[in-house]
C-alpha cells in the first residue's frame, strides 16, 4: 500500500467514526426530561439525568443478557430476551426503558420525600459527595487503586453533564441515607425498636471462625514458579486426627479458639493472618466468601466445631477447623454500637425503603404535578450505548491493502 493511500484510508476511518458518533443524540444543555411541581416539591430534572439512568439500566441489562444463549460478545444485545433478578422477562431494550423510568421516578420520589418528611441533609456529607463525584468524573471511581477510568469519558459523549452525574449518584446516596434515618433511625417516623433489631440479627446473622491448615509443602522451581506437593497419606491422616481432637475440645469448651490457633501456629506453622473470625449479615454472604466453610457452618449448632478438608484430589489440600460461635454474645456490640447498629438496620430495612420509593414514584407518576418531556425523552434509546469493538491497526491496514489490490 502506498503512503498516500494509507493516509486516505486513515482519513476515511476518522470520518466514519465521527459520522457514527453523530448518530447519538446528545445534549449538554439544560433541556429538561421531567419536572414536578406542587406545594411539596418544585423541581426540573435535566435530560442528562435521564440519560444517566438509561446508561445504568443498559449496563444492568447487559449482565442479564450475558446469561442468555443468544448473547454474542461484542454484538448488540438489546433485542435479546432477558430475565432480571426478580424473574421478570422482557426484551432487553424494553426492560432498559422501563428501568430508566423507574430510576427517574425513584430520584424524584427521593426529593419529594426528603422535603415532605423534613429529612435533614448533612452539609458536610453533601460537600464530600460532590467532591467524590468530581474525583470519579475526572479520574474514575477506582483511581486510588491505580485504575483510571474517568466517568467523564464514559458519559459526557452521550450528553450527561457532571451536574447530572453527581446528582443522580453520590448526592442521591446522601439523600437516601438522610431519608433512611428519618424513617427508621432512633426517633424516626417508623423507628425500629432494639427488640425488633435483635430478633432480626439473631435470625439473619452468623458468627463463625476457622483456622486453615495446609496439608502440603510449597517450593519454587528453577524458573521461580511455585510448586505444591501434598503430604503423604499417612501424614495427612495423622494431622486430620489431631485437628479432630482440637475440634472436640472446642466443642466441649475444654479449649478456646485463641489457644487452638496458637497450637496450630506452633505445630503446623499456620499464620495468624489466615485465621478468620467474623460476623456476617447472612449465610449467603459467607457462602460467597467460602462455600466449603459455609456448608460446614450451616450444619453446626452454636458453640460447636468441626473439621473439613478441601482439595484432597489435588496437590494442595487444606483442612479447616471451623467453629460456629454464639451469636448471643454479639447482640450488645450490634445494638449499642451506632456504626454496627446502623449496618444491621440497613440490611433489615433497605429493601423496604426501595419499595417505598418505588411506590411513591408510581404515585407521583399518576399525579398531575409530574410532567415527562416525552418529545425529548424519546430521542434516546438503549442502542445509543452500543459501541462496536475496534479492529486492530494491523487488521485495518490489511483490509485497506486488500481493498487496493
Protein backbone atom coordinates (compact mmCIF):
# COMPACT_ATOMS: atom_id res chain seq x y z
CA UNK A 1 0.00 0.00 0.00
CA UNK A 2 1.37 3.44 -0.96
CA UNK A 3 1.85 6.05 1.82
CA UNK A 4 -0.74 8.36 0.25
CA UNK A 5 -3.31 5.56 0.14
CA UNK A 6 -2.68 4.82 3.83
CA UNK A 7 -3.36 8.48 4.69
CA UNK A 8 -6.61 8.38 2.70
CA UNK A 9 -7.65 5.15 4.47
CA UNK A 10 -6.92 6.68 7.87
CA UNK A 11 -8.90 9.81 6.96
CA UNK A 12 -11.91 7.78 5.86
CA UNK A 13 -11.77 5.80 9.09
CA UNK A 14 -11.78 9.05 11.08
CA UNK A 15 -14.72 10.41 9.08
CA UNK A 16 -16.63 7.18 9.65
CA UNK A 17 -16.00 7.38 13.40
CA UNK A 18 -17.28 10.96 13.52
CA UNK A 19 -20.33 10.17 11.41
CA UNK A 20 -21.20 7.21 13.66
CA UNK A 21 -20.82 9.34 16.79
CA UNK A 22 -23.06 12.00 15.30
CA UNK A 23 -25.90 9.46 15.22
CA UNK A 24 -26.03 9.57 19.02
CA UNK A 25 -28.43 12.32 20.14
CA UNK A 26 -26.65 14.33 22.78
CA UNK A 27 -27.39 17.42 24.78
CA UNK A 28 -25.35 19.07 27.49
CA UNK A 29 -27.82 21.95 27.53
CA UNK A 30 -30.48 22.39 30.19
CA UNK A 31 -33.22 20.55 28.29
CA UNK A 32 -35.46 19.00 30.87
CA UNK A 33 -36.68 15.42 30.91
CA UNK A 34 -39.07 15.56 33.87
CA UNK A 35 -40.45 18.24 36.12
CA UNK A 36 -42.52 18.09 39.26
CA UNK A 37 -44.40 20.98 40.81
CA UNK A 38 -46.69 21.02 43.83
CA UNK A 39 -46.67 22.51 47.33
CA UNK A 40 -44.02 20.00 48.48
CA UNK A 41 -41.57 19.97 45.58
CA UNK A 42 -40.92 22.26 42.64
CA UNK A 43 -38.02 20.91 40.60
CA UNK A 44 -36.96 20.40 36.99
CA UNK A 45 -34.80 17.41 36.04
CA UNK A 46 -32.30 17.85 33.20
CA UNK A 47 -32.40 15.31 30.39
CA UNK A 48 -28.83 14.36 31.31
CA UNK A 49 -30.16 12.74 34.48
CA UNK A 50 -32.45 10.56 32.39
CA UNK A 51 -29.59 9.65 30.03
CA UNK A 52 -27.51 8.62 33.04
CA UNK A 53 -30.40 6.47 34.30
CA UNK A 54 -30.70 4.93 30.84
CA UNK A 55 -26.97 4.10 30.83
CA UNK A 56 -27.21 2.41 34.23
CA UNK A 57 -30.19 0.36 33.05
CA UNK A 58 -28.29 -0.57 29.87
CA UNK A 59 -25.29 -1.84 31.85
CA UNK A 60 -27.51 -3.86 34.17
CA UNK A 61 -29.43 -5.37 31.25
CA UNK A 62 -26.14 -6.42 29.70
CA UNK A 63 -25.32 -8.56 32.75
CA UNK A 64 -28.65 -10.35 32.28
CA UNK A 65 -28.19 -10.70 28.51
CA UNK A 66 -24.77 -12.30 29.01
CA UNK A 67 -26.54 -15.24 30.65
CA UNK A 68 -28.57 -15.87 27.50
CA UNK A 69 -27.53 -18.40 24.85
CA UNK A 70 -28.35 -15.75 22.25
CA UNK A 71 -25.71 -13.35 23.58
CA UNK A 72 -22.58 -12.88 21.48
CA UNK A 73 -19.66 -10.93 22.86
CA UNK A 74 -19.18 -7.61 21.09
CA UNK A 75 -22.54 -7.68 19.34
CA UNK A 76 -25.71 -5.70 20.17
CA UNK A 77 -27.89 -7.40 22.77
CA UNK A 78 -30.91 -5.12 23.07
CA UNK A 79 -33.18 -7.46 21.08
CA UNK A 80 -32.38 -10.42 23.33
CA UNK A 81 -34.98 -11.57 25.84
CA UNK A 82 -33.64 -11.27 29.38
CA UNK A 83 -34.71 -12.27 32.88
CA UNK A 84 -33.92 -9.89 35.74
CA UNK A 85 -33.28 -10.65 39.42
CA UNK A 86 -37.00 -10.52 40.18
CA UNK A 87 -37.76 -13.10 37.50
CA UNK A 88 -39.29 -10.56 35.12
CA UNK A 89 -38.82 -11.50 31.45
CA UNK A 90 -38.64 -8.85 28.75
CA UNK A 91 -36.81 -7.86 25.59
CA UNK A 92 -33.71 -6.01 26.77
CA UNK A 93 -34.48 -2.70 25.05
CA UNK A 94 -37.95 -2.60 26.61
CA UNK A 95 -36.61 -3.56 30.02
CA UNK A 96 -33.98 -0.80 29.79
CA UNK A 97 -36.60 1.89 29.04
CA UNK A 98 -38.81 0.70 31.89
CA UNK A 99 -35.87 0.54 34.29
CA UNK A 100 -34.63 4.02 33.32
CA UNK A 101 -38.07 5.42 34.05
CA UNK A 102 -38.12 3.59 37.39
CA UNK A 103 -34.75 5.09 38.32
CA UNK A 104 -36.01 8.56 37.40
CA UNK A 105 -39.19 8.14 39.41
CA UNK A 106 -37.14 6.90 42.39
CA UNK A 107 -34.94 10.00 42.21
CA UNK A 108 -37.97 12.28 42.04
CA UNK A 109 -39.65 10.37 44.87
CA UNK A 110 -36.46 10.74 46.91
CA UNK A 111 -36.51 14.52 46.53
CA UNK A 112 -40.22 14.59 47.28
CA UNK A 113 -39.95 12.52 50.46
CA UNK A 114 -36.87 14.34 51.77
CA UNK A 115 -38.84 17.58 51.54
CA UNK A 116 -42.16 16.13 52.73
CA UNK A 117 -40.69 14.36 55.76
CA UNK A 118 -38.16 17.13 56.53
CA UNK A 119 -35.19 14.78 56.39
CA UNK A 120 -32.04 16.71 57.34
CA UNK A 121 -29.27 16.71 54.75
CA UNK A 122 -25.86 16.94 56.36
CA UNK A 123 -23.97 19.77 54.62
CA UNK A 124 -20.57 18.18 55.20
CA UNK A 125 -21.76 14.86 53.75
CA UNK A 126 -23.20 16.59 50.71
CA UNK A 127 -19.97 18.52 50.20
CA UNK A 128 -17.97 15.28 50.45
CA UNK A 129 -20.36 13.61 47.99
CA UNK A 130 -19.79 16.33 45.41
CA UNK A 131 -16.02 16.10 45.92
CA UNK A 132 -16.10 12.32 45.49
CA UNK A 133 -18.28 12.70 42.41
CA UNK A 134 -15.80 15.18 40.93
CA UNK A 135 -12.93 12.75 41.52
CA UNK A 136 -14.89 9.93 39.87
CA UNK A 137 -15.79 12.23 36.98
CA UNK A 138 -12.19 13.32 36.41
CA UNK A 139 -10.26 10.15 37.30
CA UNK A 140 -12.71 7.30 37.86
CA UNK A 141 -14.09 5.57 40.97
CA UNK A 142 -11.04 3.28 41.31
CA UNK A 143 -8.27 5.84 40.78
CA UNK A 144 -6.96 5.27 44.31
CA UNK A 145 -6.17 1.70 43.22
CA UNK A 146 -4.28 2.91 40.17
CA UNK A 147 -7.11 2.17 37.72
CA UNK A 148 -8.13 5.30 35.83
CA UNK A 149 -11.46 5.32 34.04
CA UNK A 150 -12.89 8.87 34.15
CA UNK A 151 -16.67 8.85 34.19
CA UNK A 152 -16.48 11.99 32.08
CA UNK A 153 -15.07 9.92 29.21
CA UNK A 154 -17.79 7.31 29.65
CA UNK A 155 -20.80 9.63 29.94
CA UNK A 156 -20.21 13.10 28.53
CA UNK A 157 -20.25 11.88 24.93
CA UNK A 158 -23.87 10.82 25.42
CA UNK A 159 -24.96 14.16 26.87
CA UNK A 160 -24.50 13.62 30.61
CA UNK A 161 -23.03 16.61 32.41
CA UNK A 162 -21.08 16.44 35.67
CA UNK A 163 -24.03 18.04 37.48
CA UNK A 164 -26.39 15.30 36.26
CA UNK A 165 -23.92 12.55 37.15
CA UNK A 166 -23.25 13.93 40.62
CA UNK A 167 -26.94 14.50 41.35
CA UNK A 168 -28.06 11.00 40.28
CA UNK A 169 -25.27 9.10 42.04
CA UNK A 170 -23.30 10.42 45.01
CA UNK A 171 -25.69 13.20 46.02
CA UNK A 172 -28.62 10.79 45.79
CA UNK A 173 -26.81 8.45 48.21
CA UNK A 174 -26.61 11.22 50.81
CA UNK A 175 -30.31 11.99 50.40
CA UNK A 176 -31.24 8.32 50.64
CA UNK A 177 -29.22 7.95 53.84
CA UNK A 178 -30.94 11.02 55.32
CA UNK A 179 -34.39 9.70 54.43
CA UNK A 180 -33.50 6.25 55.78
CA UNK A 181 -32.51 7.71 59.16
CA UNK A 182 -35.60 9.91 59.23
CA UNK A 183 -37.80 6.87 58.73
CA UNK A 184 -36.09 4.00 60.57
CA UNK A 185 -33.42 5.51 62.84
CA UNK A 186 -33.80 6.34 66.53
CA UNK A 187 -36.75 8.70 66.90
CA UNK A 188 -37.69 8.14 63.25
CA UNK A 189 -41.17 8.12 61.79
CA UNK A 190 -41.06 4.30 61.65
CA UNK A 191 -38.40 3.72 64.28
CA UNK A 192 -37.13 0.15 64.58
CA UNK A 193 -37.01 -0.96 68.21
CA UNK A 194 -33.96 -2.65 69.75
CA UNK A 195 -36.04 -5.79 70.27
CA UNK A 196 -37.03 -5.96 66.60
CA UNK A 197 -33.43 -5.30 65.56
CA UNK A 198 -32.15 -8.00 67.90
CA UNK A 199 -34.63 -10.55 66.57
CA UNK A 200 -33.58 -9.74 63.01
CA UNK A 201 -29.92 -10.03 63.98
CA UNK A 202 -30.36 -13.46 65.58
CA UNK A 203 -32.34 -14.77 62.62
CA UNK A 204 -30.13 -13.46 59.84
CA UNK A 205 -26.54 -13.21 61.05
CA UNK A 206 -23.89 -15.83 61.69
CA UNK A 207 -20.71 -15.65 63.79
CA UNK A 208 -18.02 -18.10 62.75
CA UNK A 209 -14.28 -18.76 62.95
CA UNK A 210 -11.86 -21.01 61.14
CA UNK A 211 -8.19 -22.00 61.09
CA UNK A 212 -6.76 -23.26 57.78
CA UNK A 213 -4.04 -25.91 57.97
CA UNK A 214 -2.10 -26.70 54.80
CA UNK A 215 -1.58 -30.37 54.04
CA UNK A 216 1.19 -29.71 51.54
CA UNK A 217 4.54 -28.01 51.09
CA UNK A 218 5.35 -25.23 48.66
CA UNK A 219 8.60 -24.52 46.82
CA UNK A 220 9.87 -22.71 43.76
CA UNK A 221 11.43 -24.42 40.77
CA UNK A 222 14.50 -23.19 38.89
CA UNK A 223 12.36 -20.69 36.97
CA UNK A 224 10.85 -19.26 40.13
CA UNK A 225 7.44 -20.89 39.61
CA UNK A 226 5.62 -22.07 42.72
CA UNK A 227 5.13 -25.82 43.12
CA UNK A 228 2.99 -27.68 45.63
CA UNK A 229 3.42 -31.22 46.91
CA UNK A 230 0.91 -32.73 49.28
CA UNK A 231 1.97 -34.71 52.31
CA UNK A 232 1.93 -38.48 52.37
CA UNK A 233 -1.41 -40.14 53.05
CA UNK A 234 -0.15 -41.27 56.45
CA UNK A 235 0.91 -37.77 57.48
CA UNK A 236 -2.36 -36.26 56.29
CA UNK A 237 -4.30 -38.89 58.23
CA UNK A 238 -2.37 -38.10 61.43
CA UNK A 239 -2.80 -34.33 61.08
CA UNK A 240 -6.54 -34.66 60.44
CA UNK A 241 -6.87 -36.85 63.53
CA UNK A 242 -5.04 -34.23 65.62
CA UNK A 243 -7.28 -31.49 64.24
CA UNK A 244 -10.35 -33.55 65.08
CA UNK A 245 -9.15 -33.69 68.69
CA UNK A 246 -8.80 -29.90 68.75
CA UNK A 247 -12.31 -29.53 67.31
CA UNK A 248 -13.67 -31.84 70.03
CA UNK A 249 -12.00 -29.73 72.71
CA UNK A 250 -13.51 -26.58 71.18
CA UNK A 251 -16.98 -28.14 71.12
CA UNK A 252 -16.72 -29.29 74.73
CA UNK A 253 -15.34 -25.99 75.94
CA UNK A 254 -12.04 -27.53 77.04
CA UNK A 255 -10.09 -25.05 74.92
CA UNK A 256 -10.60 -21.65 73.32
CA UNK A 257 -10.25 -20.57 69.72
CA UNK A 258 -7.23 -18.47 70.70
CA UNK A 259 -5.44 -21.47 72.26
CA UNK A 260 -6.40 -23.69 69.32
CA UNK A 261 -4.98 -21.12 66.91
CA UNK A 262 -1.75 -20.82 68.91
CA UNK A 263 -1.36 -24.62 68.89
CA UNK A 264 -1.84 -24.74 65.11
CA UNK A 265 0.65 -21.93 64.62
CA UNK A 266 3.20 -23.89 66.68
CA UNK A 267 2.54 -27.40 65.35
CA UNK A 268 1.56 -26.73 61.72
CA UNK A 269 3.12 -23.34 61.01
CA UNK A 270 -0.25 -21.71 60.34
CA UNK A 271 -0.33 -17.92 60.12
CA UNK A 272 -2.48 -15.74 62.35
CA UNK A 273 -3.23 -13.58 59.29
CA UNK A 274 -5.00 -16.56 57.70
CA UNK A 275 -7.20 -17.22 60.72
CA UNK A 276 -10.71 -15.80 60.39
CA UNK A 277 -13.25 -14.68 62.96
CA UNK A 278 -16.16 -12.79 61.53
CA UNK A 279 -19.82 -11.94 61.91
CA UNK A 280 -21.63 -11.62 58.59
CA UNK A 281 -25.05 -10.39 57.64
CA UNK A 282 -26.26 -13.66 56.20
CA UNK A 283 -25.20 -17.20 55.49
CA UNK A 284 -25.36 -16.29 51.82
CA UNK A 285 -22.60 -13.74 52.37
CA UNK A 286 -20.49 -16.44 53.98
CA UNK A 287 -21.29 -18.77 51.10
CA UNK A 288 -19.95 -16.27 48.60
CA UNK A 289 -16.75 -15.90 50.64
CA UNK A 290 -16.06 -19.60 51.18
CA UNK A 291 -18.65 -22.16 50.10
CA UNK A 292 -16.93 -25.05 51.91
CA UNK A 293 -16.86 -23.21 55.22
CA UNK A 294 -20.46 -22.14 54.61
CA UNK A 295 -21.56 -25.76 54.24
CA UNK A 296 -19.74 -26.70 57.44
CA UNK A 297 -21.13 -23.81 59.49
CA UNK A 298 -24.62 -24.49 58.17
CA UNK A 299 -24.52 -27.97 59.72
CA UNK A 300 -23.21 -26.86 63.11
CA UNK A 301 -25.14 -25.78 66.18
CA UNK A 302 -23.94 -22.86 68.27
CA UNK A 303 -20.54 -23.21 70.01
CA UNK A 304 -19.66 -26.40 68.12
CA UNK A 305 -16.65 -27.11 65.89
CA UNK A 306 -15.80 -29.49 63.08
CA UNK A 307 -13.01 -30.26 60.62
CA UNK A 308 -13.36 -30.20 56.85
CA UNK A 309 -10.78 -30.88 54.16
CA UNK A 310 -10.87 -29.49 50.63
CA UNK A 311 -8.77 -30.18 47.56
CA UNK A 312 -7.78 -33.71 48.53
CA UNK A 313 -7.63 -34.76 44.89
CA UNK A 314 -5.10 -32.06 44.06
CA UNK A 315 -1.58 -31.08 45.10
CA UNK A 316 -2.58 -28.53 47.73
CA UNK A 317 -5.27 -29.86 50.11
CA UNK A 318 -6.27 -27.77 53.13
CA UNK A 319 -8.02 -28.74 56.34
CA UNK A 320 -10.12 -26.21 58.25
CA UNK A 321 -11.08 -26.20 61.90
CA UNK A 322 -14.48 -24.49 61.66
CA UNK A 323 -16.38 -23.08 64.65
CA UNK A 324 -19.90 -21.69 64.84
CA UNK A 325 -19.78 -19.09 67.60
CA UNK A 326 -22.53 -17.99 70.00
CA UNK A 327 -24.34 -15.13 68.26
CA UNK A 328 -25.98 -14.03 71.51
CA UNK A 329 -22.60 -12.69 72.69
CA UNK A 330 -22.62 -10.22 69.79
CA UNK A 331 -26.00 -8.64 70.49
CA UNK A 332 -24.75 -5.72 72.60
CA UNK A 333 -21.99 -4.96 70.12
CA UNK A 334 -24.54 -4.73 67.33
CA UNK A 335 -27.32 -2.85 69.12
CA UNK A 336 -25.32 -0.44 71.31
CA UNK A 337 -22.60 0.47 68.83
CA UNK A 338 -24.01 3.11 66.47
CA UNK A 339 -21.98 2.01 63.46
CA UNK A 340 -22.81 -1.69 63.86
CA UNK A 341 -26.45 -0.91 64.68
CA UNK A 342 -26.80 1.15 61.52
CA UNK A 343 -25.25 -1.66 59.48
CA UNK A 344 -27.80 -4.17 60.78
CA UNK A 345 -30.59 -1.64 60.30
CA UNK A 346 -29.53 -1.08 56.69
CA UNK A 347 -29.68 -4.81 55.98
CA UNK A 348 -33.04 -5.05 57.71
CA UNK A 349 -34.84 -2.09 56.14
CA UNK A 350 -33.07 -1.12 52.92
CA UNK A 351 -35.39 -3.21 50.75
CA UNK A 352 -38.36 -1.60 52.49
CA UNK A 353 -37.00 1.83 51.62
CA UNK A 354 -36.58 0.87 47.96
CA UNK A 355 -40.14 -0.45 47.84
CA UNK A 356 -41.35 2.76 49.47
CA UNK A 357 -39.52 4.88 46.89
CA UNK A 358 -40.93 2.80 44.03
CA UNK A 359 -44.46 3.00 45.43
CA UNK A 360 -44.13 6.77 45.89
CA UNK A 361 -42.67 7.16 42.40
CA UNK A 362 -45.61 5.33 40.84
CA UNK A 363 -48.00 7.52 42.80
CA UNK A 364 -46.23 10.70 41.65
CA UNK A 365 -46.36 9.48 38.04
CA UNK A 366 -50.14 9.34 38.24
CA UNK A 367 -50.39 12.84 39.67
CA UNK A 368 -50.90 15.96 37.58
CA UNK A 369 -47.86 17.51 39.25
CA UNK A 370 -45.38 15.31 37.33
CA UNK A 371 -44.69 16.03 33.65
CA UNK A 372 -42.49 13.94 31.37
CA UNK A 373 -40.98 15.69 28.35
CA UNK A 374 -41.78 12.79 26.02
CA UNK A 375 -40.57 14.56 22.88
CA UNK A 376 -37.07 14.86 24.31
CA UNK A 377 -37.03 11.56 26.23
CA UNK A 378 -37.97 9.54 23.14
CA UNK A 379 -34.88 10.79 21.32
CA UNK A 380 -32.84 8.45 23.48
CA UNK A 381 -32.88 4.66 23.50
CA UNK A 382 -30.68 1.77 24.56
CA UNK A 383 -28.98 1.31 21.19
CA UNK A 384 -27.09 4.59 21.61
CA UNK A 385 -24.75 2.98 24.13
CA UNK A 386 -23.60 0.16 21.87
CA UNK A 387 -20.03 0.62 20.68
CA UNK A 388 -18.68 -1.72 18.03
CA UNK A 389 -15.38 -3.24 19.14
CA UNK A 390 -12.45 -1.53 17.46
CA UNK A 391 -10.45 -3.54 14.98
CA UNK A 392 -6.71 -3.67 15.48
CA UNK A 393 -4.47 -1.35 13.47
CA UNK A 394 -2.98 -4.35 11.68
CA UNK A 395 -6.42 -5.60 10.69
CA UNK A 396 -7.39 -2.16 9.39
CA UNK A 397 -4.20 -1.96 7.34
CA UNK A 398 -4.78 -5.44 5.90
CA UNK A 399 -8.35 -4.53 4.96
CA UNK A 400 -7.14 -1.34 3.27
CA UNK A 401 -4.45 -3.29 1.41
CA UNK A 402 -7.00 -5.82 0.23
CA UNK A 403 -9.28 -3.03 -0.96
CA UNK A 404 -6.46 -1.62 -3.08
CA UNK A 405 -5.36 -4.95 -4.62
